[in-house]
Structures are given as structure tokens and as C-alpha cells.
């Protein structure tokens, strides 16, 4: 689901990081917020963090939450 959401929002994995959160389109911000808000057990799945890395997003929970302005 995470890969599908990112592919629909960002397209294929980009060669560069997506840039500051505030500059992302609203749908991309929403997708990042939802992924950042996933429960702690989700973050233990290696494929979840690999998916985030493929789209050049922070692959640690606190880092992605910080990127999305969640704390």
C-alpha cells in the first residue's frame, strides 16, 4: 500500500529527494503525513523503510515525522 500511495502521488521513484515538505503538492503532503503516522510496528517492516528510501524520503519514523511537521 505504501508503494502504491507513493507511486500514485509522486510517480516513479525520483533520482532526487522530493524537496521541502512545504513545497510538496497537497496530495503528496497528505500521503507523507499518513505514512509518517503509521504505528510503530509498521516501522519494523524492512520493506516499509525500503519503500520510503526508494522515494528518497526519510526511512526512520522520527525523521519522517519531523519532515512532515508531526511530533
Protein backbone atom coordinates (compact mmCIF):
# COMPACT_ATOMS: atom_id res chain seq x y z
CA UNK A 1 0.00 0.00 0.00
CA UNK A 2 2.82 2.42 0.84
CA UNK A 3 4.48 1.90 -2.55
CA UNK A 4 1.15 2.30 -4.35
CA UNK A 5 0.39 5.53 -2.49
CA UNK A 6 3.81 6.96 -3.27
CA UNK A 7 3.68 5.89 -6.92
CA UNK A 8 0.25 7.49 -7.36
CA UNK A 9 1.37 10.66 -5.60
CA UNK A 10 4.96 11.12 -6.79
CA UNK A 11 5.16 8.86 -9.84
CA UNK A 12 8.14 6.50 -10.16
CA UNK A 13 10.88 6.76 -7.53
CA UNK A 14 12.72 10.01 -8.26
CA UNK A 15 16.51 10.29 -8.60
CA UNK A 16 16.46 13.26 -6.19
CA UNK A 17 14.74 13.83 -2.82
CA UNK A 18 11.32 15.49 -3.16
CA UNK A 19 12.39 18.78 -1.54
CA UNK A 20 10.95 20.57 1.49
CA UNK A 21 7.63 19.24 2.76
CA UNK A 22 6.00 22.66 2.46
CA UNK A 23 6.68 22.74 -1.29
CA UNK A 24 5.01 19.39 -1.98
CA UNK A 25 1.57 19.35 -3.56
CA UNK A 26 -1.26 18.86 -1.07
CA UNK A 27 -1.84 15.23 -2.05
CA UNK A 28 1.86 14.44 -1.57
CA UNK A 29 1.84 16.16 1.83
CA UNK A 30 -1.17 14.07 2.83
CA UNK A 31 0.50 10.83 1.71
CA UNK A 32 3.67 11.66 3.65
CA UNK A 33 1.64 12.58 6.77
CA UNK A 34 -0.27 9.29 6.62
CA UNK A 35 2.92 7.26 6.21
CA UNK A 36 4.65 9.21 8.97
CA UNK A 37 1.71 8.49 11.28
CA UNK A 38 1.88 4.73 10.82
CA UNK A 39 2.12 2.70 14.01
CA UNK A 40 5.43 1.66 15.50
CA UNK A 41 5.06 -1.99 14.37
CA UNK A 42 4.76 -0.85 10.75
CA UNK A 43 8.17 0.78 11.01
CA UNK A 44 9.70 -2.59 11.91
CA UNK A 45 8.87 -3.96 8.44
CA UNK A 46 12.03 -3.77 6.37
CA UNK A 47 10.09 -3.40 3.14
CA UNK A 48 8.27 -0.33 4.54
CA UNK A 49 11.52 1.51 5.20
CA UNK A 50 12.94 0.33 1.87
CA UNK A 51 9.92 1.79 0.08
CA UNK A 52 10.47 5.17 1.77
CA UNK A 53 14.15 5.05 0.83
CA UNK A 54 13.26 4.31 -2.80
CA UNK A 55 11.32 7.59 -2.93
CA UNK A 56 14.16 9.44 -1.16
CA UNK A 57 12.06 10.04 1.95
CA UNK A 58 13.41 9.68 5.49
CA UNK A 59 13.29 6.00 6.45
CA UNK A 60 13.30 6.49 10.22
CA UNK A 61 10.00 7.18 11.96
CA UNK A 62 11.08 10.29 13.88
CA UNK A 63 12.83 11.71 10.82
CA UNK A 64 9.77 11.30 8.58
CA UNK A 65 7.51 12.67 11.30
CA UNK A 66 9.81 15.68 11.60
CA UNK A 67 9.84 16.14 7.82
CA UNK A 68 6.03 16.15 7.85
CA UNK A 69 5.86 18.55 10.80
CA UNK A 70 4.49 15.90 13.18
CA UNK A 71 5.88 15.50 16.66
